Amino acid sequence: QVQPVESGGMSVQPADSLRVSCATSGFSFSFYYMSWYRQAPGKERELVARISPSSGSTEYLDSVKGRFSISRDNGKKVVYLQMNSLKFEDTAVYLCHARLESREHWGRGTQVTVAS
């Protein structure tokens, strides 16, 4: 089955750090753009970070620049999102997305909750 599987989401306090992971199988990971999206209750899904197949290019949502970092391991077929200085507004389901031209795959998400 071709579906990314996210892990690592949990409840943390403001200013904490957390790393979420996305393990993949069933497709040629190293050719795909990999992204992390998030969706909070009552809000639209938004792109948090994206990384190119070779890791040579990344892009970030303005509100997470300087705090979040996306990386990938093509040998392990895993993409990571390191989140530092977490804020209440980072609370959301974080979803992994893979795209190559017209082909795309979504994970089911992992919940990150920032609460005091």
N, C-alpha and C. Protein backbone atom coordinates (compact mmCIF):
# COMPACT_ATOMS: atom_id res chain seq x y z
N GLN A 1 0.85 -1.19 0.00
CA GLN A 1 0.00 0.00 0.00
C GLN A 1 0.89 1.24 0.00
N VAL A 2 0.54 2.19 -0.86
CA VAL A 2 1.34 3.40 -0.97
C VAL A 2 0.72 4.46 -0.09
N GLN A 3 1.21 4.61 1.10
CA GLN A 3 0.73 5.67 1.98
C GLN A 3 1.80 6.04 2.98
N PRO A 4 2.20 7.29 2.98
CA PRO A 4 3.15 7.73 4.00
C PRO A 4 2.54 7.56 5.40
N VAL A 5 3.38 7.26 6.36
CA VAL A 5 2.92 7.07 7.74
C VAL A 5 3.68 8.02 8.66
N GLU A 6 2.93 8.94 9.26
CA GLU A 6 3.52 9.91 10.15
C GLU A 6 3.61 9.35 11.57
N SER A 7 4.56 9.87 12.33
CA SER A 7 4.69 9.49 13.73
C SER A 7 5.39 10.61 14.48
N GLY A 8 5.31 10.54 15.81
CA GLY A 8 6.03 11.49 16.64
C GLY A 8 5.19 12.61 17.22
N GLY A 9 3.96 12.73 16.79
CA GLY A 9 3.11 13.79 17.34
C GLY A 9 2.77 13.50 18.80
N MET A 10 2.66 14.57 19.57
CA MET A 10 2.34 14.42 20.98
C MET A 10 1.95 15.78 21.55
N SER A 11 1.62 15.79 22.81
CA SER A 11 1.32 17.04 23.51
C SER A 11 2.60 17.58 24.13
N VAL A 12 2.86 18.85 23.90
CA VAL A 12 4.05 19.50 24.44
C VAL A 12 3.65 20.87 24.99
N GLN A 13 4.60 21.49 25.67
CA GLN A 13 4.36 22.82 26.22
C GLN A 13 4.96 23.89 25.29
N PRO A 14 4.48 25.11 25.40
CA PRO A 14 5.07 26.19 24.60
C PRO A 14 6.58 26.27 24.83
N ALA A 15 7.30 26.55 23.75
CA ALA A 15 8.76 26.67 23.72
C ALA A 15 9.47 25.31 23.65
N ASP A 16 8.72 24.23 23.73
CA ASP A 16 9.32 22.90 23.59
C ASP A 16 9.71 22.64 22.14
N SER A 17 10.47 21.57 21.96
CA SER A 17 10.85 21.10 20.63
C SER A 17 10.27 19.71 20.40
N LEU A 18 10.03 19.41 19.15
CA LEU A 18 9.47 18.11 18.79
C LEU A 18 9.87 17.79 17.36
N ARG A 19 10.14 16.52 17.10
CA ARG A 19 10.41 16.10 15.73
C ARG A 19 9.38 15.06 15.32
N VAL A 20 8.74 15.31 14.21
CA VAL A 20 7.83 14.32 13.64
C VAL A 20 8.47 13.72 12.41
N SER A 21 8.10 12.48 12.14
CA SER A 21 8.69 11.73 11.04
C SER A 21 7.60 11.20 10.11
N CYS A 22 8.02 10.93 8.90
CA CYS A 22 7.11 10.35 7.91
C CYS A 22 7.86 9.25 7.18
N ALA A 23 7.45 8.02 7.41
CA ALA A 23 8.06 6.88 6.75
C ALA A 23 7.24 6.51 5.51
N THR A 24 7.95 6.16 4.45
CA THR A 24 7.24 5.87 3.20
C THR A 24 7.67 4.54 2.61
N SER A 25 6.83 4.03 1.74
CA SER A 25 7.16 2.82 1.01
C SER A 25 6.23 2.75 -0.20
N GLY A 26 6.64 1.94 -1.17
CA GLY A 26 5.76 1.71 -2.30
C GLY A 26 5.89 2.70 -3.44
N PHE A 27 6.77 3.68 -3.30
CA PHE A 27 7.01 4.59 -4.42
C PHE A 27 8.46 5.05 -4.37
N SER A 28 8.90 5.65 -5.46
CA SER A 28 10.31 6.05 -5.60
C SER A 28 10.55 7.34 -4.84
N PHE A 29 10.73 7.22 -3.55
CA PHE A 29 10.82 8.36 -2.63
C PHE A 29 11.80 9.43 -3.09
N SER A 30 12.96 9.02 -3.57
CA SER A 30 14.03 9.97 -3.86
C SER A 30 13.70 10.89 -5.02
N PHE A 31 12.66 10.61 -5.76
CA PHE A 31 12.27 11.45 -6.89
C PHE A 31 11.16 12.45 -6.52
N TYR A 32 10.58 12.26 -5.35
CA TYR A 32 9.40 13.04 -4.97
C TYR A 32 9.76 14.28 -4.15
N TYR A 33 9.00 15.35 -4.40
CA TYR A 33 8.98 16.47 -3.47
C TYR A 33 8.19 16.01 -2.25
N MET A 34 8.72 16.30 -1.09
CA MET A 34 8.07 15.91 0.15
C MET A 34 7.69 17.17 0.93
N SER A 35 6.51 17.14 1.49
CA SER A 35 6.00 18.31 2.20
C SER A 35 5.34 17.90 3.50
N TRP A 36 5.30 18.85 4.40
CA TRP A 36 4.48 18.75 5.61
C TRP A 36 3.40 19.82 5.52
N TYR A 37 2.17 19.40 5.69
CA TYR A 37 1.04 20.29 5.81
C TYR A 37 0.51 20.17 7.24
N ARG A 38 -0.32 21.12 7.61
CA ARG A 38 -1.02 21.00 8.88
C ARG A 38 -2.44 21.53 8.75
N GLN A 39 -3.29 20.98 9.59
CA GLN A 39 -4.68 21.41 9.60
C GLN A 39 -5.16 21.48 11.03
N ALA A 40 -5.57 22.67 11.42
CA ALA A 40 -6.11 22.89 12.76
C ALA A 40 -7.64 22.87 12.66
N PRO A 41 -8.33 22.58 13.75
CA PRO A 41 -9.80 22.54 13.74
C PRO A 41 -10.39 23.85 13.23
N GLY A 42 -11.28 23.75 12.25
CA GLY A 42 -11.94 24.92 11.73
C GLY A 42 -11.12 25.75 10.78
N LYS A 43 -9.92 25.28 10.46
CA LYS A 43 -9.05 26.04 9.57
C LYS A 43 -8.70 25.23 8.33
N GLU A 44 -8.28 25.93 7.29
CA GLU A 44 -7.88 25.25 6.07
C GLU A 44 -6.51 24.61 6.24
N ARG A 45 -6.29 23.58 5.46
CA ARG A 45 -4.99 22.93 5.45
C ARG A 45 -3.97 23.91 4.87
N GLU A 46 -2.79 23.97 5.47
CA GLU A 46 -1.76 24.87 4.97
C GLU A 46 -0.41 24.16 4.86
N LEU A 47 0.35 24.60 3.87
CA LEU A 47 1.69 24.06 3.65
C LEU A 47 2.63 24.63 4.70
N VAL A 48 3.30 23.76 5.41
CA VAL A 48 4.24 24.18 6.45
C VAL A 48 5.66 24.21 5.91
N ALA A 49 6.05 23.16 5.21
CA ALA A 49 7.42 23.09 4.70
C ALA A 49 7.47 22.10 3.54
N ARG A 50 8.39 22.35 2.62
CA ARG A 50 8.58 21.47 1.47
C ARG A 50 10.07 21.32 1.22
N ILE A 51 10.46 20.14 0.75
CA ILE A 51 11.86 19.89 0.43
C ILE A 51 11.94 19.20 -0.92
N SER A 52 12.92 19.59 -1.70
CA SER A 52 13.09 19.02 -3.04
C SER A 52 13.68 17.62 -2.94
N PRO A 53 13.64 16.86 -4.03
CA PRO A 53 14.13 15.48 -3.99
C PRO A 53 15.58 15.34 -3.52
N SER A 54 16.42 16.28 -3.91
CA SER A 54 17.84 16.20 -3.55
C SER A 54 18.18 16.94 -2.27
N SER A 55 17.16 17.52 -1.62
CA SER A 55 17.35 18.34 -0.41
C SER A 55 18.01 19.67 -0.70
N GLY A 56 18.16 20.00 -1.99
CA GLY A 56 18.82 21.24 -2.33
C GLY A 56 17.97 22.47 -2.15
N SER A 57 16.67 22.29 -2.01
CA SER A 57 15.76 23.42 -1.90
C SER A 57 14.70 23.15 -0.86
N THR A 58 14.45 24.14 -0.04
CA THR A 58 13.38 24.05 0.96
C THR A 58 12.56 25.34 0.95
N GLU A 59 11.35 25.23 1.40
CA GLU A 59 10.52 26.42 1.57
C GLU A 59 9.66 26.23 2.80
N TYR A 60 9.29 27.37 3.42
CA TYR A 60 8.58 27.32 4.70
C TYR A 60 7.46 28.33 4.74
N LEU A 61 6.46 27.98 5.50
CA LEU A 61 5.41 28.92 5.86
C LEU A 61 6.06 30.06 6.65
N ASP A 62 5.66 31.29 6.39
CA ASP A 62 6.31 32.43 7.04
C ASP A 62 6.31 32.31 8.56
N SER A 63 5.22 31.84 9.12
CA SER A 63 5.09 31.81 10.57
C SER A 63 5.98 30.77 11.25
N VAL A 64 6.59 29.87 10.48
CA VAL A 64 7.46 28.85 11.08
C VAL A 64 8.93 29.05 10.70
N LYS A 65 9.22 30.02 9.84
CA LYS A 65 10.60 30.25 9.43
C LYS A 65 11.47 30.56 10.65
N GLY A 66 12.63 29.91 10.69
CA GLY A 66 13.53 30.10 11.81
C GLY A 66 13.24 29.19 12.99
N ARG A 67 12.08 28.54 12.99
CA ARG A 67 11.72 27.62 14.08
C ARG A 67 11.63 26.17 13.63
N PHE A 68 11.15 25.96 12.42
CA PHE A 68 10.98 24.60 11.90
C PHE A 68 12.04 24.31 10.84
N SER A 69 12.37 23.03 10.73
CA SER A 69 13.33 22.62 9.72
C SER A 69 12.90 21.27 9.13
N ILE A 70 12.82 21.20 7.80
CA ILE A 70 12.47 19.97 7.13
C ILE A 70 13.74 19.32 6.60
N SER A 71 13.80 18.01 6.68
CA SER A 71 14.94 17.27 6.15
C SER A 71 14.45 15.90 5.68
N ARG A 72 15.28 15.22 4.93
CA ARG A 72 14.91 13.91 4.41
C ARG A 72 16.12 13.00 4.36
N ASP A 73 15.85 11.71 4.41
CA ASP A 73 16.86 10.69 4.25
C ASP A 73 16.39 9.78 3.12
N ASN A 74 16.96 9.98 1.96
CA ASN A 74 16.50 9.21 0.80
C ASN A 74 16.83 7.71 0.92
N GLY A 75 17.88 7.41 1.64
CA GLY A 75 18.21 6.00 1.84
C GLY A 75 17.19 5.29 2.71
N LYS A 76 16.69 5.98 3.73
CA LYS A 76 15.69 5.40 4.63
C LYS A 76 14.27 5.70 4.17
N LYS A 77 14.11 6.56 3.17
CA LYS A 77 12.79 6.95 2.66
C LYS A 77 11.95 7.60 3.75
N VAL A 78 12.56 8.51 4.47
CA VAL A 78 11.90 9.18 5.57
C VAL A 78 12.10 10.69 5.43
N VAL A 79 11.06 11.43 5.79
CA VAL A 79 11.16 12.88 5.85
C VAL A 79 10.82 13.31 7.28
N TYR A 80 11.53 14.32 7.75
CA TYR A 80 11.38 14.79 9.13
C TYR A 80 10.95 16.25 9.15
N LEU A 81 10.32 16.61 10.25
CA LEU A 81 10.05 18.02 10.52
C LEU A 81 10.47 18.29 11.96
N GLN A 82 11.54 19.03 12.09
CA GLN A 82 12.02 19.44 13.42
C GLN A 82 11.34 20.75 13.77
N MET A 83 10.66 20.77 14.90
CA MET A 83 9.90 21.95 15.31
C MET A 83 10.46 22.45 16.64
N ASN A 84 10.95 23.66 16.65
CA ASN A 84 11.50 24.27 17.85
C ASN A 84 10.64 25.47 18.24
N SER A 85 10.79 25.88 19.49
CA SER A 85 10.06 27.05 20.00
C SER A 85 8.58 26.97 19.65
N LEU A 86 7.97 25.85 19.95
CA LEU A 86 6.58 25.63 19.58
C LEU A 86 5.65 26.61 20.28
N LYS A 87 4.62 27.00 19.57
CA LYS A 87 3.64 27.97 20.06
C LYS A 87 2.24 27.33 20.07
N PHE A 88 1.35 27.93 20.81
CA PHE A 88 -0.02 27.42 20.87
C PHE A 88 -0.60 27.28 19.46
N GLU A 89 -0.31 28.24 18.61
CA GLU A 89 -0.90 28.24 17.27
C GLU A 89 -0.31 27.18 16.34
N ASP A 90 0.68 26.45 16.80
CA ASP A 90 1.21 25.33 16.02
C ASP A 90 0.39 24.06 16.22
N THR A 91 -0.57 24.10 17.12
CA THR A 91 -1.42 22.93 17.36
C THR A 91 -2.21 22.59 16.10
N ALA A 92 -2.06 21.34 15.65
CA ALA A 92 -2.72 20.90 14.42
C ALA A 92 -2.41 19.43 14.18
N VAL A 93 -3.11 18.87 13.22
CA VAL A 93 -2.71 17.58 12.68
C VAL A 93 -1.69 17.86 11.58
N TYR A 94 -0.56 17.22 11.67
CA TYR A 94 0.51 17.40 10.69
C TYR A 94 0.49 16.22 9.72
N LEU A 95 0.39 16.56 8.44
CA LEU A 95 0.25 15.54 7.40
C LEU A 95 1.44 15.56 6.46
N CYS A 96 1.85 14.39 6.07
CA CYS A 96 2.95 14.21 5.13
C CYS A 96 2.38 14.09 3.72
N HIS A 97 3.06 14.72 2.78
CA HIS A 97 2.59 14.71 1.39
C HIS A 97 3.76 14.47 0.46
N ALA A 98 3.56 13.60 -0.52
CA ALA A 98 4.56 13.30 -1.53
C ALA A 98 4.00 13.65 -2.90
N ARG A 99 4.81 14.30 -3.71
CA ARG A 99 4.33 14.68 -5.05
C ARG A 99 5.43 14.54 -6.08
N LEU A 100 5.05 13.94 -7.21
CA LEU A 100 5.91 13.87 -8.38
C LEU A 100 5.01 14.06 -9.58
N GLU A 101 5.08 15.24 -10.16
CA GLU A 101 4.22 15.61 -11.29
C GLU A 101 2.76 15.40 -10.87
N SER A 102 2.03 14.54 -11.53
CA SER A 102 0.61 14.37 -11.22
C SER A 102 0.36 13.32 -10.14
N ARG A 103 1.40 12.66 -9.71
CA ARG A 103 1.24 11.64 -8.69
C ARG A 103 1.45 12.22 -7.30
N GLU A 104 0.56 11.88 -6.39
CA GLU A 104 0.70 12.36 -5.03
C GLU A 104 0.16 11.34 -4.05
N HIS A 105 0.71 11.40 -2.85
CA HIS A 105 0.31 10.50 -1.77
C HIS A 105 0.23 11.28 -0.48
N TRP A 106 -0.82 11.04 0.28
CA TRP A 106 -1.03 11.70 1.56
C TRP A 106 -0.98 10.69 2.70
N GLY A 107 -0.40 11.12 3.81
CA GLY A 107 -0.49 10.35 5.03
C GLY A 107 -1.76 10.72 5.77
N ARG A 108 -2.00 10.04 6.88
CA ARG A 108 -3.21 10.30 7.66
C ARG A 108 -2.99 11.34 8.75
N GLY A 109 -1.76 11.64 9.02
CA GLY A 109 -1.48 12.72 9.96
C GLY A 109 -1.10 12.26 11.35
N THR A 110 -0.44 13.16 12.05
CA THR A 110 -0.09 12.94 13.46
C THR A 110 -0.41 14.22 14.22
N GLN A 111 -1.03 14.07 15.39
CA GLN A 111 -1.51 15.22 16.15
C GLN A 111 -0.39 15.84 16.98
N VAL A 112 -0.22 17.14 16.80
CA VAL A 112 0.70 17.91 17.64
C VAL A 112 -0.15 18.92 18.42
N THR A 113 -0.06 18.86 19.72
CA THR A 113 -0.81 19.77 20.58
C THR A 113 0.16 20.55 21.46
N VAL A 114 0.05 21.86 21.41
CA VAL A 114 0.88 22.72 22.24
C VAL A 114 -0.03 23.35 23.29
N ALA A 115 0.19 22.98 24.54
CA ALA A 115 -0.67 23.45 25.62
C ALA A 115 0.13 23.56 26.90
N SER A 116 -0.27 24.51 27.74
CA SER A 116 0.45 24.67 29.01
C SER A 116 -0.21 23.87 30.11
